[in-house]
Amino acid sequence: MESDGPQFFCGLFCLYMKFSESLKKNEDFRAVYHRGRSAADRRLVVYCLENGMEKNRLGISASRKYGNSVERHRFQRRIREIYRLRENCFVRGIDLVVIARTDAANSDYHELEHSFEKLTSRLHAVGVDK
């Protein structure tokens, strides 16, 4: 099976983000921060910017204030999974940057999921089912 995105094999299933890729370059993060719209709550800050591509790009950031490396990577895996499960619901051609606030460290998966859904719908990033 060929795909454009990263693949993660789990048993017999091939799980990957079909319409998305990671946002990695500092200049891309800065563009989203400066030109994008934002929404925030006590756990997350989400920035959204149209990118003019057919794919979405997801960037995740957790500072050292959030916790040690293990805690930051756990947060990143949770957000990536929350996004992956809803990927078909997102409008195509956007960059999303998700930033952890210190309150996110004490939040479980379902609280992060609720915050992410609420903030992305507030930014009108959700709404097209393709």
N, C-alpha and C. Protein backbone atom coordinates (compact mmCIF):
# COMPACT_ATOMS: atom_id res chain seq x y z
N MET A 1 0.84 -1.18 0.00
CA MET A 1 0.00 0.00 0.00
C MET A 1 0.89 1.24 0.00
N GLU A 2 0.69 2.14 -0.93
CA GLU A 2 1.46 3.38 -1.01
C GLU A 2 0.64 4.53 -0.46
N SER A 3 1.34 5.43 0.24
CA SER A 3 0.67 6.63 0.72
C SER A 3 1.68 7.77 0.77
N ASP A 4 1.17 8.97 0.89
CA ASP A 4 2.04 10.13 0.96
C ASP A 4 2.46 10.46 2.37
N GLY A 5 1.72 9.98 3.36
CA GLY A 5 1.98 10.34 4.74
C GLY A 5 2.71 9.26 5.50
N PRO A 6 3.05 9.55 6.76
CA PRO A 6 3.71 8.56 7.59
C PRO A 6 2.75 7.42 7.91
N GLN A 7 3.28 6.22 8.03
CA GLN A 7 2.45 5.06 8.32
C GLN A 7 2.87 4.45 9.65
N PHE A 8 1.91 3.99 10.42
CA PHE A 8 2.16 3.33 11.67
C PHE A 8 1.45 1.98 11.61
N PHE A 9 2.19 0.90 11.77
CA PHE A 9 1.61 -0.42 11.66
C PHE A 9 1.24 -0.93 13.05
N CYS A 10 0.01 -1.39 13.18
CA CYS A 10 -0.49 -1.89 14.45
C CYS A 10 -1.25 -3.18 14.13
N GLY A 11 -0.64 -4.32 14.34
CA GLY A 11 -1.28 -5.57 14.00
C GLY A 11 -1.48 -5.67 12.50
N LEU A 12 -2.71 -5.92 12.07
CA LEU A 12 -3.01 -6.06 10.65
C LEU A 12 -3.42 -4.75 10.00
N PHE A 13 -3.59 -3.72 10.78
CA PHE A 13 -4.10 -2.46 10.26
C PHE A 13 -2.97 -1.48 9.98
N CYS A 14 -3.14 -0.71 8.93
CA CYS A 14 -2.18 0.34 8.58
C CYS A 14 -2.85 1.67 8.91
N LEU A 15 -2.37 2.33 9.94
CA LEU A 15 -2.99 3.57 10.41
C LEU A 15 -2.09 4.74 10.06
N TYR A 16 -2.61 5.71 9.32
CA TYR A 16 -1.85 6.88 8.98
C TYR A 16 -2.79 8.04 8.70
N MET A 17 -2.21 9.21 8.73
CA MET A 17 -3.00 10.39 8.41
C MET A 17 -3.06 10.49 6.89
N LYS A 18 -4.25 10.36 6.34
CA LYS A 18 -4.45 10.24 4.91
C LYS A 18 -4.30 11.57 4.17
N PHE A 19 -4.84 12.64 4.74
CA PHE A 19 -4.88 13.92 4.04
C PHE A 19 -3.98 14.97 4.70
N SER A 20 -3.06 14.54 5.55
CA SER A 20 -2.29 15.49 6.34
C SER A 20 -0.83 15.10 6.44
N GLU A 21 -0.04 16.10 6.83
CA GLU A 21 1.36 15.86 7.12
C GLU A 21 1.75 16.76 8.28
N SER A 22 2.96 16.58 8.78
CA SER A 22 3.42 17.37 9.92
C SER A 22 3.94 18.72 9.47
N LEU A 23 3.73 19.69 10.32
CA LEU A 23 4.29 21.03 10.12
C LEU A 23 5.60 21.03 10.89
N LYS A 24 6.72 21.25 10.22
CA LYS A 24 8.01 21.07 10.87
C LYS A 24 8.90 22.31 10.87
N LYS A 25 8.82 23.14 9.84
CA LYS A 25 9.75 24.26 9.72
C LYS A 25 9.32 25.43 10.61
N ASN A 26 10.32 26.05 11.23
CA ASN A 26 10.08 27.18 12.11
C ASN A 26 9.36 28.31 11.37
N GLU A 27 9.73 28.55 10.13
CA GLU A 27 9.10 29.63 9.35
C GLU A 27 7.62 29.35 9.11
N ASP A 28 7.25 28.06 8.96
CA ASP A 28 5.85 27.71 8.78
C ASP A 28 5.06 27.94 10.07
N PHE A 29 5.65 27.56 11.21
CA PHE A 29 5.02 27.83 12.50
C PHE A 29 4.81 29.33 12.69
N ARG A 30 5.84 30.12 12.38
CA ARG A 30 5.75 31.58 12.55
C ARG A 30 4.66 32.18 11.66
N ALA A 31 4.55 31.69 10.45
CA ALA A 31 3.51 32.19 9.54
C ALA A 31 2.12 31.93 10.12
N VAL A 32 1.92 30.75 10.68
CA VAL A 32 0.62 30.43 11.28
C VAL A 32 0.36 31.32 12.49
N TYR A 33 1.39 31.54 13.32
CA TYR A 33 1.23 32.40 14.50
C TYR A 33 0.87 33.83 14.09
N HIS A 34 1.53 34.36 13.09
CA HIS A 34 1.37 35.77 12.74
C HIS A 34 0.16 36.06 11.86
N ARG A 35 -0.17 35.15 10.93
CA ARG A 35 -1.25 35.43 9.99
C ARG A 35 -2.52 34.63 10.25
N GLY A 36 -2.44 33.63 11.15
CA GLY A 36 -3.59 32.76 11.38
C GLY A 36 -4.53 33.27 12.46
N ARG A 37 -5.69 32.64 12.51
CA ARG A 37 -6.66 32.91 13.56
C ARG A 37 -6.34 31.99 14.75
N SER A 38 -6.75 32.40 15.95
CA SER A 38 -6.48 31.57 17.11
C SER A 38 -7.70 31.46 18.01
N ALA A 39 -7.73 30.39 18.76
CA ALA A 39 -8.74 30.17 19.79
C ALA A 39 -8.03 29.46 20.94
N ALA A 40 -8.45 29.75 22.17
CA ALA A 40 -7.76 29.19 23.32
C ALA A 40 -8.74 28.88 24.44
N ASP A 41 -8.36 27.92 25.25
CA ASP A 41 -9.02 27.66 26.52
C ASP A 41 -7.93 27.39 27.54
N ARG A 42 -8.28 26.84 28.69
CA ARG A 42 -7.25 26.69 29.73
C ARG A 42 -6.27 25.55 29.46
N ARG A 43 -6.58 24.67 28.50
CA ARG A 43 -5.70 23.55 28.18
C ARG A 43 -4.88 23.74 26.91
N LEU A 44 -5.50 24.33 25.88
CA LEU A 44 -4.87 24.39 24.55
C LEU A 44 -5.01 25.78 23.94
N VAL A 45 -4.09 26.07 23.03
CA VAL A 45 -4.22 27.19 22.11
C VAL A 45 -4.11 26.58 20.72
N VAL A 46 -5.06 26.91 19.84
CA VAL A 46 -5.05 26.37 18.48
C VAL A 46 -5.02 27.54 17.50
N TYR A 47 -4.06 27.49 16.57
CA TYR A 47 -3.96 28.47 15.49
C TYR A 47 -4.33 27.77 14.19
N CYS A 48 -4.97 28.52 13.29
CA CYS A 48 -5.41 27.96 12.01
C CYS A 48 -5.14 28.97 10.90
N LEU A 49 -4.59 28.49 9.79
CA LEU A 49 -4.29 29.34 8.65
C LEU A 49 -4.46 28.53 7.37
N GLU A 50 -5.10 29.13 6.35
CA GLU A 50 -5.20 28.45 5.06
C GLU A 50 -3.81 28.37 4.44
N ASN A 51 -3.50 27.21 3.83
CA ASN A 51 -2.15 27.03 3.29
C ASN A 51 -2.10 26.94 1.77
N GLY A 52 -3.25 26.92 1.10
CA GLY A 52 -3.28 26.89 -0.36
C GLY A 52 -2.89 25.55 -0.97
N MET A 53 -2.85 24.49 -0.18
CA MET A 53 -2.52 23.15 -0.66
C MET A 53 -3.76 22.27 -0.56
N GLU A 54 -3.63 21.07 -1.07
CA GLU A 54 -4.72 20.10 -0.95
C GLU A 54 -4.65 19.35 0.38
N LYS A 55 -3.53 19.47 1.08
CA LYS A 55 -3.33 18.74 2.33
C LYS A 55 -3.37 19.69 3.50
N ASN A 56 -3.69 19.12 4.65
CA ASN A 56 -3.58 19.85 5.90
C ASN A 56 -2.21 19.56 6.51
N ARG A 57 -1.75 20.49 7.32
CA ARG A 57 -0.51 20.26 8.05
C ARG A 57 -0.78 20.53 9.52
N LEU A 58 -0.29 19.64 10.37
CA LEU A 58 -0.51 19.73 11.81
C LEU A 58 0.81 19.94 12.52
N GLY A 59 0.89 20.99 13.32
CA GLY A 59 2.06 21.26 14.15
C GLY A 59 1.65 21.23 15.61
N ILE A 60 2.48 20.61 16.44
CA ILE A 60 2.18 20.48 17.86
C ILE A 60 3.36 21.00 18.65
N SER A 61 3.09 21.82 19.66
CA SER A 61 4.15 22.42 20.44
C SER A 61 3.84 22.32 21.93
N ALA A 62 4.83 21.86 22.69
CA ALA A 62 4.73 21.83 24.15
C ALA A 62 6.08 22.28 24.70
N SER A 63 6.08 23.37 25.44
CA SER A 63 7.34 23.92 25.95
C SER A 63 7.86 23.10 27.13
N ARG A 64 9.05 23.40 27.58
CA ARG A 64 9.64 22.70 28.71
C ARG A 64 8.87 22.96 30.00
N LYS A 65 8.13 24.07 30.03
CA LYS A 65 7.30 24.36 31.20
C LYS A 65 6.21 23.31 31.37
N TYR A 66 5.82 22.69 30.26
CA TYR A 66 4.77 21.67 30.29
C TYR A 66 5.21 20.46 31.09
N GLY A 67 6.46 20.07 30.94
CA GLY A 67 6.95 18.89 31.65
C GLY A 67 8.19 18.35 30.98
N ASN A 68 8.60 17.18 31.42
CA ASN A 68 9.80 16.58 30.85
C ASN A 68 9.50 16.00 29.46
N SER A 69 10.49 15.45 28.83
CA SER A 69 10.38 14.96 27.46
C SER A 69 9.29 13.90 27.32
N VAL A 70 9.19 13.01 28.28
CA VAL A 70 8.18 11.96 28.22
C VAL A 70 6.77 12.56 28.23
N GLU A 71 6.54 13.53 29.10
CA GLU A 71 5.23 14.17 29.19
C GLU A 71 4.89 14.97 27.93
N ARG A 72 5.90 15.67 27.38
CA ARG A 72 5.66 16.44 26.15
C ARG A 72 5.34 15.52 24.98
N HIS A 73 6.05 14.41 24.85
CA HIS A 73 5.78 13.48 23.75
C HIS A 73 4.44 12.77 23.93
N ARG A 74 4.05 12.49 25.17
CA ARG A 74 2.73 11.90 25.41
C ARG A 74 1.64 12.86 24.94
N PHE A 75 1.81 14.16 25.25
CA PHE A 75 0.85 15.17 24.79
C PHE A 75 0.80 15.18 23.27
N GLN A 76 1.95 15.16 22.61
CA GLN A 76 1.99 15.19 21.15
C GLN A 76 1.31 13.97 20.54
N ARG A 77 1.53 12.80 21.12
CA ARG A 77 0.88 11.59 20.61
C ARG A 77 -0.63 11.66 20.78
N ARG A 78 -1.07 12.18 21.91
CA ARG A 78 -2.52 12.30 22.15
C ARG A 78 -3.16 13.25 21.14
N ILE A 79 -2.56 14.41 20.92
CA ILE A 79 -3.13 15.38 19.98
C ILE A 79 -3.11 14.81 18.57
N ARG A 80 -2.03 14.16 18.18
CA ARG A 80 -1.95 13.57 16.84
C ARG A 80 -3.05 12.51 16.65
N GLU A 81 -3.31 11.71 17.67
CA GLU A 81 -4.35 10.69 17.58
C GLU A 81 -5.74 11.33 17.54
N ILE A 82 -5.97 12.34 18.35
CA ILE A 82 -7.25 13.05 18.34
C ILE A 82 -7.51 13.62 16.95
N TYR A 83 -6.48 14.21 16.36
CA TYR A 83 -6.61 14.76 15.00
C TYR A 83 -6.85 13.66 13.98
N ARG A 84 -6.08 12.58 14.06
CA ARG A 84 -6.17 11.49 13.08
C ARG A 84 -7.57 10.90 13.03
N LEU A 85 -8.20 10.74 14.18
CA LEU A 85 -9.54 10.16 14.23
C LEU A 85 -10.60 11.06 13.62
N ARG A 86 -10.32 12.37 13.52
CA ARG A 86 -11.27 13.33 12.97
C ARG A 86 -10.81 13.94 11.66
N GLU A 87 -9.79 13.41 11.09
CA GLU A 87 -9.16 14.01 9.91
C GLU A 87 -10.15 14.25 8.77
N ASN A 88 -11.08 13.35 8.55
CA ASN A 88 -12.05 13.50 7.46
C ASN A 88 -13.01 14.66 7.68
N CYS A 89 -13.13 15.14 8.89
CA CYS A 89 -14.06 16.23 9.21
C CYS A 89 -13.47 17.61 8.95
N PHE A 90 -12.16 17.69 8.75
CA PHE A 90 -11.51 18.99 8.61
C PHE A 90 -11.57 19.50 7.18
N VAL A 91 -11.68 20.81 7.06
CA VAL A 91 -11.59 21.48 5.77
C VAL A 91 -10.19 21.21 5.22
N ARG A 92 -10.06 20.97 3.93
CA ARG A 92 -8.75 20.72 3.32
C ARG A 92 -8.02 22.04 3.07
N GLY A 93 -6.71 22.00 3.19
CA GLY A 93 -5.89 23.17 2.88
C GLY A 93 -5.67 24.11 4.04
N ILE A 94 -5.51 23.55 5.25
CA ILE A 94 -5.24 24.40 6.41
C ILE A 94 -4.01 23.92 7.16
N ASP A 95 -3.36 24.86 7.82
CA ASP A 95 -2.31 24.55 8.77
C ASP A 95 -2.89 24.73 10.16
N LEU A 96 -2.73 23.73 11.01
CA LEU A 96 -3.17 23.81 12.40
C LEU A 96 -1.95 23.72 13.29
N VAL A 97 -1.84 24.60 14.26
CA VAL A 97 -0.80 24.50 15.28
C VAL A 97 -1.51 24.40 16.62
N VAL A 98 -1.17 23.37 17.39
CA VAL A 98 -1.75 23.15 18.71
C VAL A 98 -0.66 23.35 19.74
N ILE A 99 -0.91 24.22 20.71
CA ILE A 99 0.06 24.53 21.75
C ILE A 99 -0.51 24.11 23.09
N ALA A 100 0.31 23.42 23.87
CA ALA A 100 -0.11 22.97 25.19
C ALA A 100 0.05 24.10 26.20
N ARG A 101 -0.95 24.27 27.02
CA ARG A 101 -0.83 25.13 28.19
C ARG A 101 -0.53 24.22 29.38
N THR A 102 -0.05 24.78 30.46
CA THR A 102 0.36 23.95 31.60
C THR A 102 -0.81 23.16 32.18
N ASP A 103 -2.03 23.64 32.05
CA ASP A 103 -3.20 22.90 32.52
C ASP A 103 -3.42 21.59 31.76
N ALA A 104 -2.89 21.51 30.56
CA ALA A 104 -3.05 20.29 29.75
C ALA A 104 -2.32 19.11 30.38
N ALA A 105 -1.30 19.39 31.17
CA ALA A 105 -0.52 18.32 31.80
C ALA A 105 -1.37 17.51 32.78
N ASN A 106 -2.36 18.14 33.38
CA ASN A 106 -3.23 17.46 34.34
C ASN A 106 -4.51 16.94 33.70
N SER A 107 -4.63 17.05 32.39
CA SER A 107 -5.85 16.66 31.68
C SER A 107 -5.71 15.26 31.11
N ASP A 108 -6.81 14.53 31.12
CA ASP A 108 -6.79 13.20 30.49
C ASP A 108 -7.13 13.33 29.01
N TYR A 109 -7.12 12.20 28.32
CA TYR A 109 -7.35 12.18 26.88
C TYR A 109 -8.68 12.82 26.50
N HIS A 110 -9.74 12.50 27.23
CA HIS A 110 -11.08 12.98 26.88
C HIS A 110 -11.22 14.49 27.09
N GLU A 111 -10.54 15.04 28.09
CA GLU A 111 -10.57 16.49 28.29
C GLU A 111 -9.83 17.20 27.16
N LEU A 112 -8.68 16.65 26.74
CA LEU A 112 -7.96 17.22 25.61
C LEU A 112 -8.79 17.11 24.33
N GLU A 113 -9.45 15.99 24.15
CA GLU A 113 -10.30 15.77 22.99
C GLU A 113 -11.42 16.81 22.93
N HIS A 114 -12.06 17.04 24.08
CA HIS A 114 -13.15 18.03 24.14
C HIS A 114 -12.63 19.43 23.82
N SER A 115 -11.48 19.80 24.39
CA SER A 115 -10.90 21.12 24.12
C SER A 115 -10.55 21.27 22.65
N PHE A 116 -9.93 20.26 22.07
CA PHE A 116 -9.53 20.31 20.66
C PHE A 116 -10.75 20.47 19.75
N GLU A 117 -11.79 19.68 20.00
CA GLU A 117 -13.01 19.78 19.18
C GLU A 117 -13.65 21.15 19.30
N LYS A 118 -13.74 21.66 20.51
CA LYS A 118 -14.37 22.96 20.74
C LYS A 118 -13.60 24.08 20.04
N LEU A 119 -12.28 24.06 20.17
CA LEU A 119 -11.46 25.13 19.60
C LEU A 119 -11.42 25.07 18.08
N THR A 120 -11.31 23.88 17.51
CA THR A 120 -11.28 23.79 16.04
C THR A 120 -12.63 24.16 15.44
N SER A 121 -13.72 23.83 16.11
CA SER A 121 -15.02 24.24 15.57
C SER A 121 -15.20 25.74 15.70
N ARG A 122 -14.65 26.34 16.74
CA ARG A 122 -14.71 27.79 16.89
C ARG A 122 -13.94 28.49 15.77
N LEU A 123 -12.88 27.86 15.28
CA LEU A 123 -12.07 28.43 14.20
C LEU A 123 -12.63 28.08 12.82
N HIS A 124 -13.72 27.34 12.77
CA HIS A 124 -14.36 26.91 11.52
C HIS A 124 -13.41 26.05 10.68
N ALA A 125 -12.55 25.27 11.35
CA ALA A 125 -11.65 24.36 10.66
C ALA A 125 -12.35 23.04 10.38
N VAL A 126 -13.47 22.80 11.05
CA VAL A 126 -14.23 21.56 10.92
C VAL A 126 -15.49 21.86 10.12
N GLY A 127 -15.96 20.90 9.37
CA GLY A 127 -17.24 21.12 8.73
C GLY A 127 -17.41 20.45 7.39
N VAL A 128 -16.33 20.01 6.76
CA VAL A 128 -16.45 19.36 5.45
C VAL A 128 -16.14 17.88 5.64
N ASP A 129 -17.04 17.04 5.18
CA ASP A 129 -16.81 15.59 5.26
C ASP A 129 -16.50 15.07 3.87
N LYS A 130 -15.22 14.79 3.60
CA LYS A 130 -14.82 14.32 2.27
C LYS A 130 -14.38 12.88 2.34
